[in-house]
Amino acid sequence: MPKYFLFIDDIKQGYPSAMPSDYGIPETKGIVWVTAPNSFAAESKAMEEYGKKQAKESNKNKSSSTVDALPKDAIIKE
Protein backbone atom coordinates (compact mmCIF):
# COMPACT_ATOMS: atom_id res chain seq x y z
CA MET A 1 0.00 0.00 0.00
CA PRO A 2 1.31 3.46 -0.82
CA LYS A 3 2.25 6.06 1.79
CA TYR A 4 0.87 9.59 1.67
CA PHE A 5 1.90 12.66 3.61
CA LEU A 6 -0.39 15.36 4.95
CA PHE A 7 0.35 18.68 6.58
CA ILE A 8 -0.75 18.79 10.23
CA ASP A 9 -2.00 22.38 9.88
CA ASP A 10 -4.29 21.33 7.01
CA ILE A 11 -5.73 18.51 9.11
CA LYS A 12 -6.35 20.88 12.04
CA GLN A 13 -8.22 23.24 9.72
CA GLY A 14 -10.34 20.37 8.39
CA TYR A 15 -9.00 20.44 4.84
CA PRO A 16 -6.48 17.60 4.52
CA SER A 17 -4.75 17.04 1.22
CA ALA A 18 -2.91 13.72 0.95
CA MET A 19 0.05 13.72 -1.39
CA PRO A 20 2.27 10.81 -2.45
CA SER A 21 6.02 10.99 -1.97
CA ASP A 22 6.30 11.35 -5.76
CA TYR A 23 5.53 15.05 -5.24
CA GLY A 24 8.71 15.38 -3.21
CA ILE A 25 9.05 15.15 0.52
CA PRO A 26 8.82 18.53 2.26
CA GLU A 27 11.62 19.53 4.59
CA THR A 28 9.30 20.47 7.43
CA LYS A 29 8.42 18.70 10.65
CA GLY A 30 4.70 19.50 10.33
CA ILE A 31 3.71 16.44 8.30
CA VAL A 32 2.05 13.10 9.03
CA TRP A 33 2.54 9.89 7.06
CA VAL A 34 -0.47 7.66 6.39
CA THR A 35 -0.55 4.29 4.64
CA ALA A 36 -3.75 3.82 2.64
CA PRO A 37 -4.95 2.40 -0.69
CA ASN A 38 -5.62 5.90 -2.14
CA SER A 39 -5.39 9.58 -1.22
CA PHE A 40 -9.06 9.87 -0.22
CA ALA A 41 -8.68 6.98 2.23
CA ALA A 42 -5.52 8.59 3.62
CA GLU A 43 -7.34 11.90 4.17
CA SER A 44 -10.27 10.15 5.84
CA LYS A 45 -7.98 8.14 8.09
CA ALA A 46 -6.03 11.24 9.12
CA MET A 47 -9.21 13.17 9.96
CA GLU A 48 -10.60 10.22 11.90
CA GLU A 49 -7.46 9.88 14.00
CA TYR A 50 -7.29 13.63 14.59
CA GLY A 51 -10.94 13.62 15.71
CA LYS A 52 -10.26 10.78 18.16
CA LYS A 53 -7.27 12.66 19.57
CA GLN A 54 -9.30 15.86 19.98
CA ALA A 55 -12.16 14.00 21.70
CA LYS A 56 -9.75 12.29 24.07
CA GLU A 57 -8.08 15.58 24.98
CA SER A 58 -11.46 17.27 25.40
CA ASN A 59 -12.69 14.57 27.77
CA LYS A 60 -9.45 14.70 29.72
CA ASN A 61 -9.77 18.44 30.24
CA LYS A 62 -13.43 18.38 31.29
CA SER A 63 -13.06 15.81 34.08
CA SER A 64 -16.82 15.25 33.99
CA SER A 65 -19.18 12.87 32.33
CA THR A 66 -22.16 13.57 30.09
CA VAL A 67 -24.48 12.84 33.02
CA ASP A 68 -23.13 15.96 34.74
CA ALA A 69 -24.40 18.01 31.81
CA LEU A 70 -28.04 17.01 32.38
CA PRO A 71 -30.34 19.21 34.40
CA LYS A 72 -30.68 18.11 38.03
CA ASP A 73 -34.38 17.26 37.65
CA ALA A 74 -33.93 15.25 34.44
CA ILE A 75 -35.47 11.78 34.41
CA ILE A 76 -33.78 9.13 32.31
CA LYS A 77 -36.17 6.44 31.00
CA GLU A 78 -34.86 3.29 29.40
PDB file of N, CA and C in Angstrom:
ATOM      1  N   MET A   1       0.836  -1.182   0.000  1.00  0.00           N
ATOM      2  CA  MET A   1       0.000   0.000   0.000  1.00  0.00           C
ATOM      3  C   MET A   1       0.882   1.247   0.000  1.00  0.00           C
ATOM      4  N   PRO A   2       0.497   2.237  -0.759  1.00  0.00           N
ATOM      5  CA  PRO A   2       1.313   3.455  -0.816  1.00  0.00           C
ATOM      6  C   PRO A   2       1.201   4.306   0.446  1.00  0.00           C
ATOM      7  N   LYS A   3       2.225   5.122   0.663  1.00  0.00           N
ATOM      8  CA  LYS A   3       2.247   6.062   1.788  1.00  0.00           C
ATOM      9  C   LYS A   3       1.981   7.464   1.255  1.00  0.00           C
ATOM     10  N   TYR A   4       1.190   8.204   2.019  1.00  0.00           N
ATOM     11  CA  TYR A   4       0.868   9.587   1.674  1.00  0.00           C
ATOM     12  C   TYR A   4       1.270  10.481   2.832  1.00  0.00           C
ATOM     13  N   PHE A   5       1.624  11.720   2.526  1.00  0.00           N
ATOM     14  CA  PHE A   5       1.900  12.663   3.608  1.00  0.00           C
ATOM     15  C   PHE A   5       0.870  13.774   3.586  1.00  0.00           C
ATOM     16  N   LEU A   6       0.564  14.272   4.786  1.00  0.00           N
ATOM     17  CA  LEU A   6      -0.392  15.357   4.954  1.00  0.00           C
ATOM     18  C   LEU A   6       0.216  16.381   5.891  1.00  0.00           C
ATOM     19  N   PHE A   7      -0.113  17.633   5.679  1.00  0.00           N
ATOM     20  CA  PHE A   7       0.351  18.684   6.575  1.00  0.00           C
ATOM     21  C   PHE A   7      -0.566  18.738   7.793  1.00  0.00           C
ATOM     22  N   ILE A   8       0.011  18.778   8.982  1.00  0.00           N
ATOM     23  CA  ILE A   8      -0.749  18.789  10.226  1.00  0.00           C
ATOM     24  C   ILE A   8      -1.656  20.018  10.292  1.00  0.00           C
ATOM     25  N   ASP A   9      -1.183  21.163   9.852  1.00  0.00           N
ATOM     26  CA  ASP A   9      -1.999  22.384   9.876  1.00  0.00           C
ATOM     27  C   ASP A   9      -3.253  22.235   9.017  1.00  0.00           C
ATOM     28  N   ASP A  10      -3.125  21.554   7.875  1.00  0.00           N
ATOM     29  CA  ASP A  10      -4.292  21.333   7.011  1.00  0.00           C
ATOM     30  C   ASP A  10      -5.309  20.425   7.695  1.00  0.00           C
ATOM     31  N   ILE A  11      -4.835  19.424   8.398  1.00  0.00           N
ATOM     32  CA  ILE A  11      -5.728  18.506   9.114  1.00  0.00           C
ATOM     33  C   ILE A  11      -6.463  19.265  10.218  1.00  0.00           C
ATOM     34  N   LYS A  12      -5.740  20.098  10.958  1.00  0.00           N
ATOM     35  CA  LYS A  12      -6.348  20.881  12.037  1.00  0.00           C
ATOM     36  C   LYS A  12      -7.428  21.808  11.513  1.00  0.00           C
ATOM     37  N   GLN A  13      -7.245  22.337  10.309  1.00  0.00           N
ATOM     38  CA  GLN A  13      -8.224  23.245   9.721  1.00  0.00           C
ATOM     39  C   GLN A  13      -9.390  22.494   9.087  1.00  0.00           C
ATOM     40  N   GLY A  14      -9.260  21.169   8.962  1.00  0.00           N
ATOM     41  CA  GLY A  14     -10.342  20.368   8.392  1.00  0.00           C
ATOM     42  C   GLY A  14     -10.280  20.191   6.889  1.00  0.00           C
ATOM     43  N   TYR A  15      -9.163  20.562   6.284  1.00  0.00           N
ATOM     44  CA  TYR A  15      -9.001  20.435   4.844  1.00  0.00           C
ATOM     45  C   TYR A  15      -7.718  19.666   4.511  1.00  0.00           C
ATOM     46  N   PRO A  16      -7.695  18.355   4.800  1.00  0.00           N
ATOM     47  CA  PRO A  16      -6.479  17.598   4.517  1.00  0.00           C
ATOM     48  C   PRO A  16      -6.294  17.370   3.023  1.00  0.00           C
ATOM     49  N   SER A  17      -5.078  17.306   2.615  1.00  0.00           N
ATOM     50  CA  SER A  17      -4.745  17.036   1.224  1.00  0.00           C
ATOM     51  C   SER A  17      -3.597  16.038   1.210  1.00  0.00           C
ATOM     52  N   ALA A  18      -3.927  14.780   0.944  1.00  0.00           N
ATOM     53  CA  ALA A  18      -2.915  13.725   0.946  1.00  0.00           C
ATOM     54  C   ALA A  18      -2.125  13.757  -0.360  1.00  0.00           C
ATOM     55  N   MET A  19      -0.808  13.672  -0.222  1.00  0.00           N
ATOM     56  CA  MET A  19       0.053  13.715  -1.389  1.00  0.00           C
ATOM     57  C   MET A  19       1.049  12.555  -1.318  1.00  0.00           C
ATOM     58  N   PRO A  20       1.290  11.893  -2.441  1.00  0.00           N
ATOM     59  CA  PRO A  20       2.274  10.806  -2.450  1.00  0.00           C
ATOM     60  C   PRO A  20       3.692  11.377  -2.402  1.00  0.00           C
ATOM     61  N   SER A  21       4.630  10.537  -2.049  1.00  0.00           N
ATOM     62  CA  SER A  21       6.025  10.987  -1.966  1.00  0.00           C
ATOM     63  C   SER A  21       6.586  11.345  -3.339  1.00  0.00           C
ATOM     64  N   ASP A  22       5.869  10.980  -4.408  1.00  0.00           N
ATOM     65  CA  ASP A  22       6.299  11.355  -5.764  1.00  0.00           C
ATOM     66  C   ASP A  22       6.340  12.875  -5.935  1.00  0.00           C
ATOM     67  N   TYR A  23       5.549  13.593  -5.160  1.00  0.00           N
ATOM     68  CA  TYR A  23       5.528  15.054  -5.239  1.00  0.00           C
ATOM     69  C   TYR A  23       6.763  15.679  -4.607  1.00  0.00           C
ATOM     70  N   GLY A  24       7.549  14.871  -3.935  1.00  0.00           N
ATOM     71  CA  GLY A  24       8.708  15.383  -3.215  1.00  0.00           C
ATOM     72  C   GLY A  24       8.371  15.496  -1.747  1.00  0.00           C
ATOM     73  N   ILE A  25       9.298  15.141  -0.918  1.00  0.00           N
ATOM     74  CA  ILE A  25       9.055  15.149   0.521  1.00  0.00           C
ATOM     75  C   ILE A  25       9.452  16.512   1.073  1.00  0.00           C
ATOM     76  N   PRO A  26       8.504  17.206   1.722  1.00  0.00           N
ATOM     77  CA  PRO A  26       8.823  18.531   2.261  1.00  0.00           C
ATOM     78  C   PRO A  26       9.823  18.450   3.406  1.00  0.00           C
ATOM     79  N   GLU A  27      10.592  19.482   3.564  1.00  0.00           N
ATOM     80  CA  GLU A  27      11.623  19.525   4.593  1.00  0.00           C
ATOM     81  C   GLU A  27      11.117  20.185   5.868  1.00  0.00           C
ATOM     82  N   THR A  28       9.897  19.893   6.233  1.00  0.00           N
ATOM     83  CA  THR A  28       9.300  20.469   7.427  1.00  0.00           C
ATOM     84  C   THR A  28       8.919  19.357   8.396  1.00  0.00           C
ATOM     85  N   LYS A  29       8.788  19.701   9.659  1.00  0.00           N
ATOM     86  CA  LYS A  29       8.418  18.702  10.655  1.00  0.00           C
ATOM     87  C   LYS A  29       6.910  18.602  10.819  1.00  0.00           C
ATOM     88  N   GLY A  30       6.143  19.453  10.169  1.00  0.00           N
ATOM     89  CA  GLY A  30       4.703  19.497  10.331  1.00  0.00           C
ATOM     90  C   GLY A  30       3.938  18.596   9.385  1.00  0.00           C
ATOM     91  N   ILE A  31       4.417  17.365   9.179  1.00  0.00           N
ATOM     92  CA  ILE A  31       3.711  16.436   8.297  1.00  0.00           C
ATOM     93  C   ILE A  31       3.417  15.130   9.026  1.00  0.00           C
ATOM     94  N   VAL A  32       2.434  14.405   8.500  1.00  0.00           N
ATOM     95  CA  VAL A  32       2.051  13.101   9.028  1.00  0.00           C
ATOM     96  C   VAL A  32       2.047  12.126   7.860  1.00  0.00           C
ATOM     97  N   TRP A  33       2.546  10.929   8.087  1.00  0.00           N
ATOM     98  CA  TRP A  33       2.544   9.889   7.059  1.00  0.00           C
ATOM     99  C   TRP A  33       1.402   8.924   7.334  1.00  0.00           C
ATOM    100  N   VAL A  34       0.658   8.585   6.279  1.00  0.00           N
ATOM    101  CA  VAL A  34      -0.468   7.661   6.393  1.00  0.00           C
ATOM    102  C   VAL A  34      -0.354   6.626   5.277  1.00  0.00           C
ATOM    103  N   THR A  35      -0.537   5.370   5.630  1.00  0.00           N
ATOM    104  CA  THR A  35      -0.549   4.295   4.639  1.00  0.00           C
ATOM    105  C   THR A  35      -1.999   3.962   4.331  1.00  0.00           C
ATOM    106  N   ALA A  36      -2.366   4.062   3.061  1.00  0.00           N
ATOM    107  CA  ALA A  36      -3.745   3.818   2.644  1.00  0.00           C
ATOM    108  C   ALA A  36      -3.771   3.430   1.165  1.00  0.00           C
ATOM    109  N   PRO A  37      -4.876   2.823   0.714  1.00  0.00           N
ATOM    110  CA  PRO A  37      -4.946   2.402  -0.693  1.00  0.00           C
ATOM    111  C   PRO A  37      -5.009   3.567  -1.685  1.00  0.00           C
ATOM    112  N   ASN A  38      -5.567   4.728  -1.255  1.00  0.00           N
ATOM    113  CA  ASN A  38      -5.616   5.896  -2.138  1.00  0.00           C
ATOM    114  C   ASN A  38      -5.601   7.167  -1.287  1.00  0.00           C
ATOM    115  N   SER A  39      -5.526   8.314  -1.947  1.00  0.00           N
ATOM    116  CA  SER A  39      -5.394   9.577  -1.219  1.00  0.00           C
ATOM    117  C   SER A  39      -6.649   9.920  -0.416  1.00  0.00           C
ATOM    118  N   PHE A  40      -7.828   9.590  -0.959  1.00  0.00           N
ATOM    119  CA  PHE A  40      -9.064   9.866  -0.215  1.00  0.00           C
ATOM    120  C   PHE A  40      -9.107   9.075   1.087  1.00  0.00           C
ATOM    121  N   ALA A  41      -8.713   7.817   1.025  1.00  0.00           N
ATOM    122  CA  ALA A  41      -8.681   6.981   2.233  1.00  0.00           C
ATOM    123  C   ALA A  41      -7.658   7.515   3.233  1.00  0.00           C
ATOM    124  N   ALA A  42      -6.547   8.017   2.742  1.00  0.00           N
ATOM    125  CA  ALA A  42      -5.524   8.589   3.622  1.00  0.00           C
ATOM    126  C   ALA A  42      -6.051   9.842   4.316  1.00  0.00           C
ATOM    127  N   GLU A  43      -6.762  10.685   3.580  1.00  0.00           N
ATOM    128  CA  GLU A  43      -7.336  11.896   4.167  1.00  0.00           C
ATOM    129  C   GLU A  43      -8.387  11.543   5.217  1.00  0.00           C
ATOM    130  N   SER A  44      -9.230  10.574   4.901  1.00  0.00           N
ATOM    131  CA  SER A  44     -10.273  10.151   5.842  1.00  0.00           C
ATOM    132  C   SER A  44      -9.665   9.583   7.112  1.00  0.00           C
ATOM    133  N   LYS A  45      -8.652   8.754   6.948  1.00  0.00           N
ATOM    134  CA  LYS A  45      -7.982   8.139   8.093  1.00  0.00           C
ATOM    135  C   LYS A  45      -7.324   9.201   8.979  1.00  0.00           C
ATOM    136  N   ALA A  46      -6.696  10.172   8.356  1.00  0.00           N
ATOM    137  CA  ALA A  46      -6.035  11.239   9.116  1.00  0.00           C
ATOM    138  C   ALA A  46      -7.048  12.055   9.899  1.00  0.00           C
ATOM    139  N   MET A  47      -8.180  12.394   9.279  1.00  0.00           N
ATOM    140  CA  MET A  47      -9.210  13.173   9.965  1.00  0.00           C
ATOM    141  C   MET A  47      -9.846  12.375  11.100  1.00  0.00           C
ATOM    142  N   GLU A  48     -10.029  11.090  10.873  1.00  0.00           N
ATOM    143  CA  GLU A  48     -10.603  10.217  11.904  1.00  0.00           C
ATOM    144  C   GLU A  48      -9.697  10.159  13.125  1.00  0.00           C
ATOM    145  N   GLU A  49      -8.418   9.957  12.898  1.00  0.00           N
ATOM    146  CA  GLU A  49      -7.463   9.879  14.004  1.00  0.00           C
ATOM    147  C   GLU A  49      -7.344  11.218  14.732  1.00  0.00           C
ATOM    148  N   TYR A  50      -7.368  12.309  13.969  1.00  0.00           N
ATOM    149  CA  TYR A  50      -7.293  13.630  14.592  1.00  0.00           C
ATOM    150  C   TYR A  50      -8.532  13.874  15.451  1.00  0.00           C
ATOM    151  N   GLY A  51      -9.693  13.473  14.946  1.00  0.00           N
ATOM    152  CA  GLY A  51     -10.936  13.622  15.706  1.00  0.00           C
ATOM    153  C   GLY A  51     -10.909  12.829  16.997  1.00  0.00           C
ATOM    154  N   LYS A  52     -10.373  11.610  16.948  1.00  0.00           N
ATOM    155  CA  LYS A  52     -10.255  10.785  18.158  1.00  0.00           C
ATOM    156  C   LYS A  52      -9.334  11.449  19.168  1.00  0.00           C
ATOM    157  N   LYS A  53      -8.228  11.998  18.682  1.00  0.00           N
ATOM    158  CA  LYS A  53      -7.270  12.661  19.569  1.00  0.00           C
ATOM    159  C   LYS A  53      -7.911  13.876  20.227  1.00  0.00           C
ATOM    160  N   GLN A  54      -8.646  14.665  19.446  1.00  0.00           N
ATOM    161  CA  GLN A  54      -9.303  15.856  19.978  1.00  0.00           C
ATOM    162  C   GLN A  54     -10.358  15.480  21.021  1.00  0.00           C
ATOM    163  N   ALA A  55     -11.131  14.431  20.757  1.00  0.00           N
ATOM    164  CA  ALA A  55     -12.164  14.003  21.700  1.00  0.00           C
ATOM    165  C   ALA A  55     -11.535  13.522  23.001  1.00  0.00           C
ATOM    166  N   LYS A  56     -10.441  12.792  22.879  1.00  0.00           N
ATOM    167  CA  LYS A  56      -9.751  12.286  24.067  1.00  0.00           C
ATOM    168  C   LYS A  56      -9.213  13.441  24.908  1.00  0.00           C
ATOM    169  N   GLU A  57      -8.610  14.424  24.257  1.00  0.00           N
ATOM    170  CA  GLU A  57      -8.083  15.584  24.980  1.00  0.00           C
ATOM    171  C   GLU A  57      -9.207  16.404  25.600  1.00  0.00           C
ATOM    172  N   SER A  58     -10.315  16.516  24.892  1.00  0.00           N
ATOM    173  CA  SER A  58     -11.458  17.274  25.396  1.00  0.00           C
ATOM    174  C   SER A  58     -12.031  16.612  26.646  1.00  0.00           C
ATOM    175  N   ASN A  59     -12.173  15.296  26.615  1.00  0.00           N
ATOM    176  CA  ASN A  59     -12.694  14.572  27.773  1.00  0.00           C
ATOM    177  C   ASN A  59     -11.732  14.632  28.951  1.00  0.00           C
ATOM    178  N   LYS A  60     -10.451  14.634  28.661  1.00  0.00           N
ATOM    179  CA  LYS A  60      -9.446  14.697  29.718  1.00  0.00           C
ATOM    180  C   LYS A  60      -9.510  16.045  30.433  1.00  0.00           C
ATOM    181  N   ASN A  61      -9.740  17.100  29.668  1.00  0.00           N
ATOM    182  CA  ASN A  61      -9.769  18.444  30.240  1.00  0.00           C
ATOM    183  C   ASN A  61     -11.050  18.742  31.010  1.00  0.00           C
ATOM    184  N   LYS A  62     -12.150  18.093  30.650  1.00  0.00           N
ATOM    185  CA  LYS A  62     -13.430  18.381  31.291  1.00  0.00           C
ATOM    186  C   LYS A  62     -13.561  17.742  32.668  1.00  0.00           C
ATOM    187  N   SER A  63     -12.987  16.582  32.847  1.00  0.00           N
ATOM    188  CA  SER A  63     -13.059  15.806  34.084  1.00  0.00           C
ATOM    189  C   SER A  63     -14.495  15.663  34.574  1.00  0.00           C
ATOM    190  N   SER A  64     -15.430  15.513  33.633  1.00  0.00           N
ATOM    191  CA  SER A  64     -16.817  15.251  33.994  1.00  0.00           C
ATOM    192  C   SER A  64     -17.427  14.341  32.936  1.00  0.00           C
ATOM    193  N   SER A  65     -18.522  13.743  33.285  1.00  0.00           N
ATOM    194  CA  SER A  65     -19.183  12.867  32.330  1.00  0.00           C
ATOM    195  C   SER A  65     -20.361  13.590  31.705  1.00  0.00           C
ATOM    196  N   THR A  66     -21.006  12.948  30.739  1.00  0.00           N
ATOM    197  CA  THR A  66     -22.157  13.568  30.090  1.00  0.00           C
ATOM    198  C   THR A  66     -23.340  13.652  31.047  1.00  0.00           C
ATOM    199  N   VAL A  67     -23.395  12.803  32.049  1.00  0.00           N
ATOM    200  CA  VAL A  67     -24.483  12.845  33.021  1.00  0.00           C
ATOM    201  C   VAL A  67     -24.445  14.164  33.781  1.00  0.00           C
ATOM    202  N   ASP A  68     -23.257  14.681  34.037  1.00  0.00           N
ATOM    203  CA  ASP A  68     -23.132  15.956  34.738  1.00  0.00           C
ATOM    204  C   ASP A  68     -23.732  17.111  33.941  1.00  0.00           C
ATOM    205  N   ALA A  69     -23.873  16.943  32.636  1.00  0.00           N
ATOM    206  CA  ALA A  69     -24.396  18.015  31.805  1.00  0.00           C
ATOM    207  C   ALA A  69     -25.926  18.071  31.819  1.00  0.00           C
ATOM    208  N   LEU A  70     -26.582  17.034  32.327  1.00  0.00           N
ATOM    209  CA  LEU A  70     -28.042  17.013  32.377  1.00  0.00           C
ATOM    210  C   LEU A  70     -28.560  17.914  33.487  1.00  0.00           C
ATOM    211  N   PRO A  71     -29.750  18.444  33.319  1.00  0.00           N
ATOM    212  CA  PRO A  71     -30.343  19.213  34.405  1.00  0.00           C
ATOM    213  C   PRO A  71     -30.566  18.323  35.622  1.00  0.00           C
ATOM    214  N   LYS A  72     -30.564  18.901  36.802  1.00  0.00           N
ATOM    215  CA  LYS A  72     -30.683  18.114  38.034  1.00  0.00           C
ATOM    216  C   LYS A  72     -32.003  17.369  38.130  1.00  0.00           C
ATOM    217  N   ASP A  73     -33.083  17.916  37.549  1.00  0.00           N
ATOM    218  CA  ASP A  73     -34.384  17.262  37.652  1.00  0.00           C
ATOM    219  C   ASP A  73     -34.691  16.369  36.440  1.00  0.00           C
ATOM    220  N   ALA A  74     -33.714  16.077  35.614  1.00  0.00           N
ATOM    221  CA  ALA A  74     -33.926  15.248  34.439  1.00  0.00           C
ATOM    222  C   ALA A  74     -34.200  13.799  34.848  1.00  0.00           C
ATOM    223  N   ILE A  75     -35.125  13.175  34.147  1.00  0.00           N
ATOM    224  CA  ILE A  75     -35.467  11.780  34.413  1.00  0.00           C
ATOM    225  C   ILE A  75     -35.053  10.985  33.182  1.00  0.00           C
ATOM    226  N   ILE A  76     -34.247   9.968  33.404  1.00  0.00           N
ATOM    227  CA  ILE A  76     -33.776   9.132  32.310  1.00  0.00           C
ATOM    228  C   ILE A  76     -34.632   7.872  32.272  1.00  0.00           C
ATOM    229  N   LYS A  77     -35.325   7.627  31.161  1.00  0.00           N
ATOM    230  CA  LYS A  77     -36.169   6.440  31.003  1.00  0.00           C
ATOM    231  C   LYS A  77     -35.508   5.525  29.997  1.00  0.00           C
ATOM    232  N   GLU A  78     -35.463   4.270  30.325  1.00  0.00           N
ATOM    233  CA  GLU A  78     -34.860   3.290  29.403  1.00  0.00           C
ATOM    234  C   GLU A  78     -35.897   2.359  28.865  1.00  0.00           C
TER     235      GLU A  78
END
